[in-house]
Amino acid sequence: MGNFLAFPIDVLPFIVLVLLIQFTVHEFAHAYAAYKFGDDTAYREGRVTLNPFVHLDILGFILILVAGFGWAKPVPVRSSRFKNPRAMSIIVSLVGPLSNLLLGILSIIIFVILIKTGWIFAGSEGVASAIEVFFTYMIHFSFLLFVFNLIPLPPLDGYRIVSELLPFHTRYKLDQNAHWGTIIFLLLVFIEPLRRYTLTPILLWGQKLSYDILNFFMVLF
């Protein structure tokens, strides 16, 4: 069975838990920001919640376990209801990746404290190992999703942010051809030679960022 998965079978429970947390917080951040700015679309659909099953897209979740790439259920946003549609749309799009970044930093701080105080070793060796695996993947996926979602290709948040910064006529043309951007994005994800020279270097930078911040807090504490 492990041959059909993108992750080792023995860490799969940790992967599932981490992804549920990451996806839930990310989509909640979008929904909450939109609601506070005056769009109650997501609120009326029950998306302003930390219930992970509300934000779960079954196909997207299965794909990330099998292929290493997937998605949560997108939050519906009607920017026309915002007082300042362009600026507030940027913020609503940005808070999703930022929530992953904050989860990563918080996870690093907690992990470092557990190590420095010795609390991680207070229980059995199995418990210590489980805690280490959980925080390792929690940190990894936090920074991975932060960087990944800022790539300016549809359907990612980075595309929505960049499109709102462009002149209206340019944005209109981009939106008309967004489906081609989505196809390009999928090709970059699933075709190894393309991914190796495009997405992979970006994601490796995100991984390096997590290591640098972890080392910073290790020294700080």
Protein backbone atom coordinates (compact mmCIF):
# COMPACT_ATOMS: atom_id res chain seq x y z
CA MET A 1 0.00 0.00 0.00
CA GLY A 2 2.85 2.39 0.82
CA ASN A 3 3.94 2.30 -2.85
CA PHE A 4 0.79 4.21 -3.81
CA LEU A 5 1.31 7.00 -1.29
CA ALA A 6 3.44 10.14 -1.44
CA PHE A 7 4.50 9.62 2.20
CA PRO A 8 5.76 6.67 4.27
CA ILE A 9 2.84 4.68 5.68
CA ASP A 10 4.17 4.88 9.25
CA VAL A 11 3.93 8.71 9.33
CA LEU A 12 0.59 8.90 7.52
CA PRO A 13 -1.46 9.64 10.69
CA PHE A 14 0.81 12.62 11.40
CA ILE A 15 0.50 13.84 7.80
CA VAL A 16 -3.30 13.63 7.95
CA LEU A 17 -3.46 15.53 11.26
CA VAL A 18 -1.02 18.22 10.11
CA LEU A 19 -2.83 18.77 6.79
CA LEU A 20 -6.20 18.99 8.52
CA ILE A 21 -4.81 21.72 10.78
CA GLN A 22 -3.06 23.59 7.97
CA PHE A 23 -5.98 23.51 5.53
CA THR A 24 -8.53 24.41 8.22
CA VAL A 25 -6.63 27.43 9.54
CA HIS A 26 -5.83 28.61 6.00
CA GLU A 27 -9.44 28.53 4.79
CA PHE A 28 -10.79 29.87 8.08
CA ALA A 29 -8.47 32.88 7.72
CA HIS A 30 -9.88 33.63 4.25
CA ALA A 31 -13.48 33.23 5.42
CA TYR A 32 -13.05 35.26 8.61
CA ALA A 33 -11.28 38.15 6.84
CA ALA A 34 -13.96 38.30 4.13
CA TYR A 35 -16.69 38.29 6.78
CA LYS A 36 -15.04 41.11 8.76
CA PHE A 37 -14.74 43.18 5.57
CA GLY A 38 -18.46 42.90 4.85
CA ASP A 39 -18.93 39.77 2.73
CA ASP A 40 -21.04 37.21 4.60
CA THR A 41 -21.08 34.65 1.75
CA ALA A 42 -18.65 32.28 3.46
CA TYR A 43 -20.29 32.92 6.83
CA ARG A 44 -23.71 31.88 5.52
CA GLU A 45 -22.14 28.70 4.12
CA GLY A 46 -20.71 27.87 7.55
CA ARG A 47 -17.09 28.46 6.55
CA VAL A 48 -16.16 30.84 9.40
CA THR A 49 -15.30 27.87 11.59
CA LEU A 50 -12.35 25.78 12.70
CA ASN A 51 -14.26 22.56 12.02
CA PRO A 52 -11.88 20.80 9.58
CA PHE A 53 -14.60 18.78 7.86
CA VAL A 54 -16.33 21.94 6.64
CA HIS A 55 -13.20 22.95 4.71
CA LEU A 56 -12.27 19.46 3.52
CA ASP A 57 -12.35 18.58 -0.16
CA ILE A 58 -12.21 14.78 -0.25
CA LEU A 59 -10.63 14.50 -3.71
CA GLY A 60 -8.06 17.20 -2.98
CA PHE A 61 -7.15 15.60 0.33
CA ILE A 62 -6.77 12.12 -1.17
CA LEU A 63 -4.60 13.50 -3.98
CA ILE A 64 -2.18 15.18 -1.60
CA LEU A 65 -1.70 11.85 0.20
CA VAL A 66 -1.28 9.91 -3.05
CA ALA A 67 0.41 12.42 -5.36
CA GLY A 68 1.81 14.97 -2.91
CA PHE A 69 -0.43 17.71 -4.29
CA GLY A 70 -3.98 18.60 -3.38
CA TRP A 71 -6.30 21.30 -2.10
CA ALA A 72 -8.96 22.24 0.42
CA LYS A 73 -12.45 23.50 -0.43
CA PRO A 74 -12.08 27.09 -1.73
CA VAL A 75 -13.79 29.83 0.29
CA PRO A 76 -16.41 31.77 -1.73
CA VAL A 77 -15.64 35.49 -1.72
CA ARG A 78 -17.68 38.32 -3.29
CA SER A 79 -15.28 41.25 -3.36
CA SER A 80 -18.05 43.57 -4.64
CA ARG A 81 -19.36 43.65 -1.07
CA PHE A 82 -16.11 45.10 0.27
CA LYS A 83 -15.86 48.83 0.98
CA ASN A 84 -12.51 48.87 -0.83
CA PRO A 85 -12.71 45.81 -3.12
CA ARG A 86 -9.14 45.75 -4.45
CA ALA A 87 -7.26 46.42 -1.20
CA MET A 88 -9.50 44.16 0.86
CA SER A 89 -9.35 41.38 -1.73
CA ILE A 90 -5.56 41.43 -1.45
CA ILE A 91 -5.77 41.16 2.33
CA VAL A 92 -8.33 38.33 2.17
CA SER A 93 -6.07 36.44 -0.24
CA LEU A 94 -2.93 37.15 1.78
CA VAL A 95 -4.20 36.06 5.19
CA GLY A 96 -4.42 32.42 4.06
CA PRO A 97 -0.68 31.98 3.38
CA LEU A 98 0.16 34.20 6.36
CA SER A 99 -1.85 31.91 8.63
CA ASN A 100 0.36 29.00 7.51
CA LEU A 101 3.46 31.09 8.18
CA LEU A 102 2.24 31.94 11.68
CA LEU A 103 1.46 28.27 12.34
CA GLY A 104 5.02 27.46 11.31
CA ILE A 105 6.59 30.07 13.58
CA LEU A 106 4.36 29.06 16.50
CA SER A 107 5.23 25.39 15.93
CA ILE A 108 8.93 26.21 15.91
CA ILE A 109 8.67 28.16 19.17
CA ILE A 110 6.76 25.34 20.91
CA PHE A 111 9.13 22.68 19.53
CA VAL A 112 12.22 24.59 20.64
CA ILE A 113 10.76 25.13 24.11
CA LEU A 114 9.99 21.42 24.41
CA ILE A 115 13.58 20.59 23.44
CA LYS A 116 15.32 23.24 25.54
CA THR A 117 13.32 22.50 28.68
CA GLY A 118 13.61 18.75 28.22
CA TRP A 119 9.82 18.30 28.32
CA ILE A 120 9.96 16.36 25.08
CA PHE A 121 11.99 13.68 26.88
CA ALA A 122 9.75 13.58 29.98
CA GLY A 123 7.68 10.67 28.64
CA SER A 124 8.61 7.48 26.90
CA GLU A 125 10.88 7.27 23.87
CA GLY A 126 7.84 6.56 21.69
CA VAL A 127 6.06 9.71 22.87
CA ALA A 128 9.17 11.81 22.27
CA SER A 129 9.51 10.36 18.78
CA ALA A 130 5.84 11.06 17.99
CA ILE A 131 6.15 14.67 19.15
CA GLU A 132 9.27 15.16 17.05
CA VAL A 133 7.63 13.70 13.92
CA PHE A 134 4.50 15.81 14.39
CA PHE A 135 6.37 19.09 14.77
CA THR A 136 8.77 18.25 11.96
CA TYR A 137 5.89 17.86 9.50
CA MET A 138 3.96 20.74 11.04
CA ILE A 139 6.89 23.08 10.44
CA HIS A 140 7.62 21.64 7.01
CA PHE A 141 4.07 21.99 5.69
CA SER A 142 3.58 25.43 7.25
CA PHE A 143 6.39 27.00 5.25
CA LEU A 144 5.73 24.84 2.22
CA LEU A 145 2.10 26.03 2.02
CA PHE A 146 3.09 29.62 2.77
CA VAL A 147 5.50 29.77 -0.16
CA PHE A 148 3.45 27.52 -2.46
CA ASN A 149 0.25 29.57 -2.14
CA LEU A 150 2.07 32.80 -2.99
CA ILE A 151 3.09 31.52 -6.45
CA PRO A 152 1.29 33.86 -8.89
CA LEU A 153 -0.53 31.20 -10.89
CA PRO A 154 -4.26 30.41 -10.73
CA PRO A 155 -5.88 29.05 -8.65
CA LEU A 156 -3.38 30.03 -5.95
CA ASP A 157 -3.64 33.05 -3.64
CA GLY A 158 -0.57 34.60 -5.22
CA TYR A 159 -2.43 34.98 -8.51
CA ARG A 160 -5.33 36.79 -6.83
CA ILE A 161 -2.93 39.14 -5.06
CA VAL A 162 -0.98 39.99 -8.22
CA SER A 163 -4.11 40.39 -10.34
CA GLU A 164 -5.55 42.95 -7.91
CA LEU A 165 -2.37 45.02 -8.21
CA LEU A 166 -2.58 45.24 -12.00
CA PRO A 167 -4.51 47.83 -14.05
CA PHE A 168 -8.13 46.87 -14.64
CA HIS A 169 -7.76 46.09 -18.37
CA THR A 170 -4.72 43.89 -17.73
CA ARG A 171 -6.47 42.06 -14.92
CA TYR A 172 -9.55 41.56 -17.11
CA LYS A 173 -7.44 39.92 -19.83
CA LEU A 174 -5.69 37.72 -17.28
CA ASP A 175 -8.97 36.59 -15.76
CA GLN A 176 -10.30 35.74 -19.23
CA ASN A 177 -7.33 33.42 -19.76
CA ALA A 178 -7.03 32.16 -16.17
CA HIS A 179 -7.96 28.62 -17.25
CA TRP A 180 -4.72 28.47 -19.28
CA GLY A 181 -2.79 29.52 -16.20
CA THR A 182 -4.45 26.72 -14.25
CA ILE A 183 -3.45 24.20 -16.94
CA ILE A 184 0.15 25.48 -16.87
CA PHE A 185 0.14 25.19 -13.09
CA LEU A 186 -1.08 21.59 -13.21
CA LEU A 187 1.57 20.72 -15.81
CA LEU A 188 4.26 22.20 -13.55
CA VAL A 189 2.96 20.15 -10.63
CA PHE A 190 2.55 16.76 -12.26
CA ILE A 191 5.30 16.67 -14.93
CA GLU A 192 8.57 15.95 -13.15
CA PRO A 193 11.03 17.63 -15.60
CA LEU A 194 9.00 20.84 -15.52
CA ARG A 195 8.52 20.75 -11.76
CA ARG A 196 12.23 20.18 -11.15
CA TYR A 197 13.20 23.53 -12.67
CA THR A 198 10.21 25.64 -11.64
CA LEU A 199 8.25 24.73 -8.49
CA THR A 200 10.90 22.62 -6.78
CA PRO A 201 13.49 25.44 -6.35
CA ILE A 202 10.76 27.68 -4.89
CA LEU A 203 9.62 25.00 -2.44
CA LEU A 204 13.21 24.22 -1.48
CA TRP A 205 13.63 27.89 -0.62
CA GLY A 206 10.59 27.58 1.63
CA GLN A 207 12.15 24.55 3.30
CA LYS A 208 15.41 26.46 3.81
CA LEU A 209 13.43 29.33 5.34
CA SER A 210 11.94 26.95 7.91
CA TYR A 211 15.41 25.64 8.82
CA ASP A 212 16.80 29.16 9.16
CA ILE A 213 13.97 30.27 11.46
CA LEU A 214 14.25 27.05 13.50
CA ASN A 215 18.00 27.61 13.94
CA PHE A 216 17.34 31.24 14.92
CA PHE A 217 15.00 30.23 17.71
CA MET A 218 17.31 27.43 18.81
CA VAL A 219 20.05 30.02 19.33
CA LEU A 220 17.64 32.59 20.80
CA PHE A 221 16.41 30.23 23.48
